[in-house]
Structures are given as C-alpha cells and as structure tokens.
Amino acid sequence: MAWEDRTPFDAIEATFGLNQNQVEDLMRKNLKKGSYTLWRKRARGRKTKHLGLRDFEVGRHHSYDQNKYKN
C-alpha cells in the first residue's frame, strides 16, 4: 500500500496501525537505498498520499468510455 501513489498514509494507518513515520522506517528497512530514495521523492508532498492536501474526494477513477461497450 505504501508503494502505491494513490493510497494515503491515513488508509495505511487505519488498516495496519502504522503512522507515516513507521511506514517510512519500514520502507527504508525493506527497500534498496536507491529504491527508498526514489519512493520518498515520489511520496513527499504528493497530494494523493496526504488526505489533508487532497483537493478531490476519495474514489475510483473511471475512464470516460468505461463500460461503453456492453455485450
């Protein structure tokens, strides 16, 4: 869940009981140094990882033509 860009840290905390600092420590211990660095660059300040920064409602994205062709 932490690797996924759209999953907020709040959802991880609700599911697993790990706050953002604990998730960062877990990722640091289990990823290669370069992978961890790239992940932190992506996650830091990202609106989708922090519910307080989001300017949209949480929900699924649906393509405009999803389910356009039904059998």
PDB file of N, CA and C in Angstrom:
ATOM      1  N   MET A   1       0.824  -1.195   0.000  1.00  0.00           N
ATOM      2  CA  MET A   1       0.000   0.000   0.000  1.00  0.00           C
ATOM      3  C   MET A   1       0.869   1.261   0.000  1.00  0.00           C
ATOM      4  N   ALA A   2       1.996   1.198   0.671  1.00  0.00           N
ATOM      5  CA  ALA A   2       2.863   2.371   0.746  1.00  0.00           C
ATOM      6  C   ALA A   2       3.486   2.681  -0.613  1.00  0.00           C
ATOM      7  N   TRP A   3       3.789   1.657  -1.386  1.00  0.00           N
ATOM      8  CA  TRP A   3       4.412   1.864  -2.697  1.00  0.00           C
ATOM      9  C   TRP A   3       3.435   2.524  -3.654  1.00  0.00           C
ATOM     10  N   GLU A   4       2.161   2.209  -3.553  1.00  0.00           N
ATOM     11  CA  GLU A   4       1.125   2.762  -4.418  1.00  0.00           C
ATOM     12  C   GLU A   4       0.960   4.251  -4.148  1.00  0.00           C
ATOM     13  N   ASP A   5       1.022   5.054  -5.181  1.00  0.00           N
ATOM     14  CA  ASP A   5       0.982   6.509  -5.036  1.00  0.00           C
ATOM     15  C   ASP A   5      -0.370   7.048  -4.586  1.00  0.00           C
ATOM     16  N   ARG A   6      -1.441   6.360  -4.891  1.00  0.00           N
ATOM     17  CA  ARG A   6      -2.772   6.888  -4.580  1.00  0.00           C
ATOM     18  C   ARG A   6      -3.272   6.501  -3.198  1.00  0.00           C
ATOM     19  N   THR A   7      -2.575   5.594  -2.508  1.00  0.00           N
ATOM     20  CA  THR A   7      -3.021   5.160  -1.192  1.00  0.00           C
ATOM     21  C   THR A   7      -2.481   6.118  -0.138  1.00  0.00           C
ATOM     22  N   PRO A   8      -3.347   6.832   0.560  1.00  0.00           N
ATOM     23  CA  PRO A   8      -2.869   7.799   1.549  1.00  0.00           C
ATOM     24  C   PRO A   8      -2.320   7.110   2.800  1.00  0.00           C
ATOM     25  N   PHE A   9      -1.431   7.803   3.488  1.00  0.00           N
ATOM     26  CA  PHE A   9      -0.854   7.266   4.718  1.00  0.00           C
ATOM     27  C   PHE A   9      -1.944   7.014   5.757  1.00  0.00           C
ATOM     28  N   ASP A  10      -3.015   7.803   5.725  1.00  0.00           N
ATOM     29  CA  ASP A  10      -4.120   7.609   6.669  1.00  0.00           C
ATOM     30  C   ASP A  10      -4.792   6.253   6.469  1.00  0.00           C
ATOM     31  N   ALA A  11      -4.908   5.796   5.231  1.00  0.00           N
ATOM     32  CA  ALA A  11      -5.504   4.485   4.957  1.00  0.00           C
ATOM     33  C   ALA A  11      -4.593   3.371   5.463  1.00  0.00           C
ATOM     34  N   ILE A  12      -3.291   3.565   5.332  1.00  0.00           N
ATOM     35  CA  ILE A  12      -2.338   2.575   5.836  1.00  0.00           C
ATOM     36  C   ILE A  12      -2.429   2.502   7.352  1.00  0.00           C
ATOM     37  N   GLU A  13      -2.559   3.670   7.988  1.00  0.00           N
ATOM     38  CA  GLU A  13      -2.670   3.692   9.443  1.00  0.00           C
ATOM     39  C   GLU A  13      -3.970   3.029   9.909  1.00  0.00           C
ATOM     40  N   ALA A  14      -5.050   3.277   9.204  1.00  0.00           N
ATOM     41  CA  ALA A  14      -6.333   2.668   9.574  1.00  0.00           C
ATOM     42  C   ALA A  14      -6.304   1.154   9.397  1.00  0.00           C
ATOM     43  N   THR A  15      -5.614   0.686   8.368  1.00  0.00           N
ATOM     44  CA  THR A  15      -5.572  -0.742   8.073  1.00  0.00           C
ATOM     45  C   THR A  15      -4.562  -1.488   8.930  1.00  0.00           C
ATOM     46  N   PHE A  16      -3.360  -0.931   9.074  1.00  0.00           N
ATOM     47  CA  PHE A  16      -2.271  -1.659   9.719  1.00  0.00           C
ATOM     48  C   PHE A  16      -1.801  -1.044  11.037  1.00  0.00           C
ATOM     49  N   GLY A  17      -2.300   0.147  11.376  1.00  0.00           N
ATOM     50  CA  GLY A  17      -1.900   0.781  12.617  1.00  0.00           C
ATOM     51  C   GLY A  17      -0.513   1.405  12.587  1.00  0.00           C
ATOM     52  N   LEU A  18       0.024   1.651  11.389  1.00  0.00           N
ATOM     53  CA  LEU A  18       1.346   2.259  11.242  1.00  0.00           C
ATOM     54  C   LEU A  18       1.193   3.702  10.799  1.00  0.00           C
ATOM     55  N   ASN A  19       1.797   4.635  11.554  1.00  0.00           N
ATOM     56  CA  ASN A  19       1.725   6.035  11.135  1.00  0.00           C
ATOM     57  C   ASN A  19       2.753   6.287  10.029  1.00  0.00           C
ATOM     58  N   GLN A  20       2.791   7.498   9.522  1.00  0.00           N
ATOM     59  CA  GLN A  20       3.667   7.811   8.381  1.00  0.00           C
ATOM     60  C   GLN A  20       5.131   7.548   8.706  1.00  0.00           C
ATOM     61  N   ASN A  21       5.591   7.921   9.888  1.00  0.00           N
ATOM     62  CA  ASN A  21       6.986   7.683  10.250  1.00  0.00           C
ATOM     63  C   ASN A  21       7.313   6.199  10.313  1.00  0.00           C
ATOM     64  N   GLN A  22       6.400   5.404  10.826  1.00  0.00           N
ATOM     65  CA  GLN A  22       6.610   3.960  10.896  1.00  0.00           C
ATOM     66  C   GLN A  22       6.638   3.343   9.501  1.00  0.00           C
ATOM     67  N   VAL A  23       5.788   3.840   8.612  1.00  0.00           N
ATOM     68  CA  VAL A  23       5.781   3.348   7.230  1.00  0.00           C
ATOM     69  C   VAL A  23       7.105   3.685   6.558  1.00  0.00           C
ATOM     70  N   GLU A  24       7.592   4.902   6.767  1.00  0.00           N
ATOM     71  CA  GLU A  24       8.871   5.295   6.183  1.00  0.00           C
ATOM     72  C   GLU A  24      10.003   4.419   6.709  1.00  0.00           C
ATOM     73  N   ASP A  25      10.010   4.122   8.009  1.00  0.00           N
ATOM     74  CA  ASP A  25      11.032   3.241   8.579  1.00  0.00           C
ATOM     75  C   ASP A  25      10.954   1.838   7.977  1.00  0.00           C
ATOM     76  N   LEU A  26       9.732   1.330   7.833  1.00  0.00           N
ATOM     77  CA  LEU A  26       9.535   0.004   7.247  1.00  0.00           C
ATOM     78  C   LEU A  26      10.035  -0.044   5.808  1.00  0.00           C
ATOM     79  N   MET A  27       9.707   0.982   5.041  1.00  0.00           N
ATOM     80  CA  MET A  27      10.162   1.045   3.653  1.00  0.00           C
ATOM     81  C   MET A  27      11.687   1.162   3.592  1.00  0.00           C
ATOM     82  N   ARG A  28      12.276   1.961   4.474  1.00  0.00           N
ATOM     83  CA  ARG A  28      13.729   2.137   4.499  1.00  0.00           C
ATOM     84  C   ARG A  28      14.422   0.800   4.783  1.00  0.00           C
ATOM     85  N   LYS A  29      13.854   0.006   5.686  1.00  0.00           N
ATOM     86  CA  LYS A  29      14.464  -1.280   6.062  1.00  0.00           C
ATOM     87  C   LYS A  29      14.313  -2.333   4.979  1.00  0.00           C
ATOM     88  N   ASN A  30      13.243  -2.253   4.174  1.00  0.00           N
ATOM     89  CA  ASN A  30      12.929  -3.328   3.239  1.00  0.00           C
ATOM     90  C   ASN A  30      13.222  -3.020   1.775  1.00  0.00           C
ATOM     91  N   LEU A  31      13.607  -1.794   1.473  1.00  0.00           N
ATOM     92  CA  LEU A  31      13.941  -1.435   0.094  1.00  0.00           C
ATOM     93  C   LEU A  31      15.437  -1.171  -0.023  1.00  0.00           C
ATOM     94  N   LYS A  32      15.932  -1.322  -1.239  1.00  0.00           N
ATOM     95  CA  LYS A  32      17.306  -0.895  -1.501  1.00  0.00           C
ATOM     96  C   LYS A  32      17.368   0.612  -1.307  1.00  0.00           C
ATOM     97  N   LYS A  33      18.554   1.114  -1.024  1.00  0.00           N
ATOM     98  CA  LYS A  33      18.704   2.538  -0.739  1.00  0.00           C
ATOM     99  C   LYS A  33      18.176   3.403  -1.886  1.00  0.00           C
ATOM    100  N   GLY A  34      18.522   3.066  -3.116  1.00  0.00           N
ATOM    101  CA  GLY A  34      18.068   3.845  -4.268  1.00  0.00           C
ATOM    102  C   GLY A  34      16.568   3.795  -4.449  1.00  0.00           C
ATOM    103  N   SER A  35      15.973   2.617  -4.222  1.00  0.00           N
ATOM    104  CA  SER A  35      14.523   2.464  -4.344  1.00  0.00           C
ATOM    105  C   SER A  35      13.807   3.279  -3.274  1.00  0.00           C
ATOM    106  N   TYR A  36      14.361   3.262  -2.059  1.00  0.00           N
ATOM    107  CA  TYR A  36      13.766   4.045  -0.983  1.00  0.00           C
ATOM    108  C   TYR A  36      13.838   5.533  -1.305  1.00  0.00           C
ATOM    109  N   THR A  37      14.967   5.986  -1.812  1.00  0.00           N
ATOM    110  CA  THR A  37      15.145   7.403  -2.155  1.00  0.00           C
ATOM    111  C   THR A  37      14.141   7.828  -3.225  1.00  0.00           C
ATOM    112  N   LEU A  38      13.970   7.006  -4.255  1.00  0.00           N
ATOM    113  CA  LEU A  38      13.003   7.324  -5.306  1.00  0.00           C
ATOM    114  C   LEU A  38      11.577   7.349  -4.763  1.00  0.00           C
ATOM    115  N   TRP A  39      11.259   6.404  -3.887  1.00  0.00           N
ATOM    116  CA  TRP A  39       9.921   6.360  -3.302  1.00  0.00           C
ATOM    117  C   TRP A  39       9.657   7.611  -2.471  1.00  0.00           C
ATOM    118  N   ARG A  40      10.642   8.024  -1.657  1.00  0.00           N
ATOM    119  CA  ARG A  40      10.460   9.220  -0.828  1.00  0.00           C
ATOM    120  C   ARG A  40      10.281  10.467  -1.685  1.00  0.00           C
ATOM    121  N   LYS A  41      11.013  10.555  -2.793  1.00  0.00           N
ATOM    122  CA  LYS A  41      10.833  11.704  -3.692  1.00  0.00           C
ATOM    123  C   LYS A  41       9.411  11.740  -4.230  1.00  0.00           C
ATOM    124  N   ARG A  42       8.881  10.555  -4.575  1.00  0.00           N
ATOM    125  CA  ARG A  42       7.513  10.484  -5.101  1.00  0.00           C
ATOM    126  C   ARG A  42       6.490  10.805  -4.024  1.00  0.00           C
ATOM    127  N   ALA A  43       6.668  10.271  -2.820  1.00  0.00           N
ATOM    128  CA  ALA A  43       5.659  10.369  -1.765  1.00  0.00           C
ATOM    129  C   ALA A  43       5.683  11.722  -1.053  1.00  0.00           C
ATOM    130  N   ARG A  44       6.815  12.369  -0.989  1.00  0.00           N
ATOM    131  CA  ARG A  44       6.934  13.619  -0.231  1.00  0.00           C
ATOM    132  C   ARG A  44       6.077  14.722  -0.856  1.00  0.00           C
ATOM    133  N   GLY A  45       5.135  15.200  -0.100  1.00  0.00           N
ATOM    134  CA  GLY A  45       4.303  16.309  -0.553  1.00  0.00           C
ATOM    135  C   GLY A  45       3.273  15.954  -1.606  1.00  0.00           C
ATOM    136  N   ARG A  46       3.181  14.680  -1.969  1.00  0.00           N
ATOM    137  CA  ARG A  46       2.237  14.253  -3.000  1.00  0.00           C
ATOM    138  C   ARG A  46       0.811  14.372  -2.459  1.00  0.00           C
ATOM    139  N   LYS A  47      -0.051  15.038  -3.191  1.00  0.00           N
ATOM    140  CA  LYS A  47      -1.421  15.256  -2.734  1.00  0.00           C
ATOM    141  C   LYS A  47      -2.164  13.955  -2.477  1.00  0.00           C
ATOM    142  N   THR A  48      -1.896  12.943  -3.274  1.00  0.00           N
ATOM    143  CA  THR A  48      -2.630  11.696  -3.122  1.00  0.00           C
ATOM    144  C   THR A  48      -2.185  10.889  -1.912  1.00  0.00           C
ATOM    145  N   LYS A  49      -0.988  11.141  -1.372  1.00  0.00           N
ATOM    146  CA  LYS A  49      -0.507  10.399  -0.213  1.00  0.00           C
ATOM    147  C   LYS A  49      -0.925  11.049   1.103  1.00  0.00           C
ATOM    148  N   HIS A  50      -1.424  12.270   1.056  1.00  0.00           N
ATOM    149  CA  HIS A  50      -1.785  13.001   2.265  1.00  0.00           C
ATOM    150  C   HIS A  50      -3.215  13.521   2.126  1.00  0.00           C
ATOM    151  N   LEU A  51      -4.121  12.983   2.930  1.00  0.00           N
ATOM    152  CA  LEU A  51      -5.533  13.368   2.811  1.00  0.00           C
ATOM    153  C   LEU A  51      -5.738  14.863   3.001  1.00  0.00           C
ATOM    154  N   GLY A  52      -4.945  15.492   3.847  1.00  0.00           N
ATOM    155  CA  GLY A  52      -5.097  16.922   4.089  1.00  0.00           C
ATOM    156  C   GLY A  52      -4.751  17.768   2.876  1.00  0.00           C
ATOM    157  N   LEU A  53      -3.949  17.261   1.965  1.00  0.00           N
ATOM    158  CA  LEU A  53      -3.550  18.011   0.777  1.00  0.00           C
ATOM    159  C   LEU A  53      -4.460  17.757  -0.422  1.00  0.00           C
ATOM    160  N   ARG A  54      -5.296  16.730  -0.324  1.00  0.00           N
ATOM    161  CA  ARG A  54      -6.153  16.383  -1.460  1.00  0.00           C
ATOM    162  C   ARG A  54      -7.185  17.468  -1.709  1.00  0.00           C
ATOM    163  N   ASP A  55      -7.396  17.781  -2.982  1.00  0.00           N
ATOM    164  CA  ASP A  55      -8.438  18.736  -3.344  1.00  0.00           C
ATOM    165  C   ASP A  55      -9.557  18.031  -4.106  1.00  0.00           C
ATOM    166  N   PHE A  56      -9.647  16.708  -3.891  1.00  0.00           N
ATOM    167  CA  PHE A  56     -10.681  15.918  -4.551  1.00  0.00           C
ATOM    168  C   PHE A  56     -11.184  14.875  -3.566  1.00  0.00           C
ATOM    169  N   GLU A  57     -12.354  14.320  -3.845  1.00  0.00           N
ATOM    170  CA  GLU A  57     -12.900  13.275  -2.995  1.00  0.00           C
ATOM    171  C   GLU A  57     -12.213  11.958  -3.299  1.00  0.00           C
ATOM    172  N   VAL A  58     -12.102  11.136  -2.284  1.00  0.00           N
ATOM    173  CA  VAL A  58     -11.508   9.822  -2.469  1.00  0.00           C
ATOM    174  C   VAL A  58     -12.513   8.957  -3.205  1.00  0.00           C
ATOM    175  N   GLY A  59     -12.071   8.315  -4.242  1.00  0.00           N
ATOM    176  CA  GLY A  59     -12.932   7.439  -5.013  1.00  0.00           C
ATOM    177  C   GLY A  59     -12.167   6.816  -6.154  1.00  0.00           C
ATOM    178  N   ARG A  60     -12.827   5.987  -6.900  1.00  0.00           N
ATOM    179  CA  ARG A  60     -12.181   5.338  -8.027  1.00  0.00           C
ATOM    180  C   ARG A  60     -12.254   6.228  -9.240  1.00  0.00           C
ATOM    181  N   HIS A  61     -11.205   6.157 -10.038  1.00  0.00           N
ATOM    182  CA  HIS A  61     -11.203   6.855 -11.316  1.00  0.00           C
ATOM    183  C   HIS A  61     -11.889   5.964 -12.338  1.00  0.00           C
ATOM    184  N   HIS A  62     -12.776   6.528 -13.113  1.00  0.00           N
ATOM    185  CA  HIS A  62     -13.429   5.788 -14.186  1.00  0.00           C
ATOM    186  C   HIS A  62     -13.150   6.499 -15.500  1.00  0.00           C
ATOM    187  N   SER A  63     -12.698   5.747 -16.452  1.00  0.00           N
ATOM    188  CA  SER A  63     -12.450   6.289 -17.770  1.00  0.00           C
ATOM    189  C   SER A  63     -13.782   6.732 -18.375  1.00  0.00           C
ATOM    190  N   TYR A  64     -13.732   7.764 -19.204  1.00  0.00           N
ATOM    191  CA  TYR A  64     -14.964   8.276 -19.807  1.00  0.00           C
ATOM    192  C   TYR A  64     -15.667   7.235 -20.670  1.00  0.00           C
ATOM    193  N   ASP A  65     -14.885   6.271 -21.200  1.00  0.00           N
ATOM    194  CA  ASP A  65     -15.511   5.263 -22.054  1.00  0.00           C
ATOM    195  C   ASP A  65     -15.586   3.889 -21.377  1.00  0.00           C
ATOM    196  N   GLN A  66     -15.420   3.851 -20.067  1.00  0.00           N
ATOM    197  CA  GLN A  66     -15.530   2.597 -19.353  1.00  0.00           C
ATOM    198  C   GLN A  66     -16.961   2.073 -19.437  1.00  0.00           C
ATOM    199  N   ASN A  67     -17.091   0.816 -19.688  1.00  0.00           N
ATOM    200  CA  ASN A  67     -18.390   0.147 -19.840  1.00  0.00           C
ATOM    201  C   ASN A  67     -19.197   0.733 -21.001  1.00  0.00           C
ATOM    202  N   LYS A  68     -18.515   1.306 -21.953  1.00  0.00           N
ATOM    203  CA  LYS A  68     -19.192   1.892 -23.105  1.00  0.00           C
ATOM    204  C   LYS A  68     -19.785   0.811 -23.997  1.00  0.00           C
ATOM    205  N   TYR A  69     -19.037  -0.264 -24.121  1.00  0.00           N
ATOM    206  CA  TYR A  69     -19.457  -1.353 -24.993  1.00  0.00           C
ATOM    207  C   TYR A  69     -19.874  -2.533 -24.142  1.00  0.00           C
ATOM    208  N   LYS A  70     -21.160  -2.786 -24.093  1.00  0.00           N
ATOM    209  CA  LYS A  70     -21.673  -3.907 -23.303  1.00  0.00           C
ATOM    210  C   LYS A  70     -22.145  -4.976 -24.260  1.00  0.00           C
ATOM    211  N   ASN A  71     -21.925  -6.214 -23.879  1.00  0.00           N
ATOM    212  CA  ASN A  71     -22.377  -7.349 -24.709  1.00  0.00           C
ATOM    213  C   ASN A  71     -23.789  -7.699 -24.431  1.00  0.00           C
TER     214      ASN A  71
END
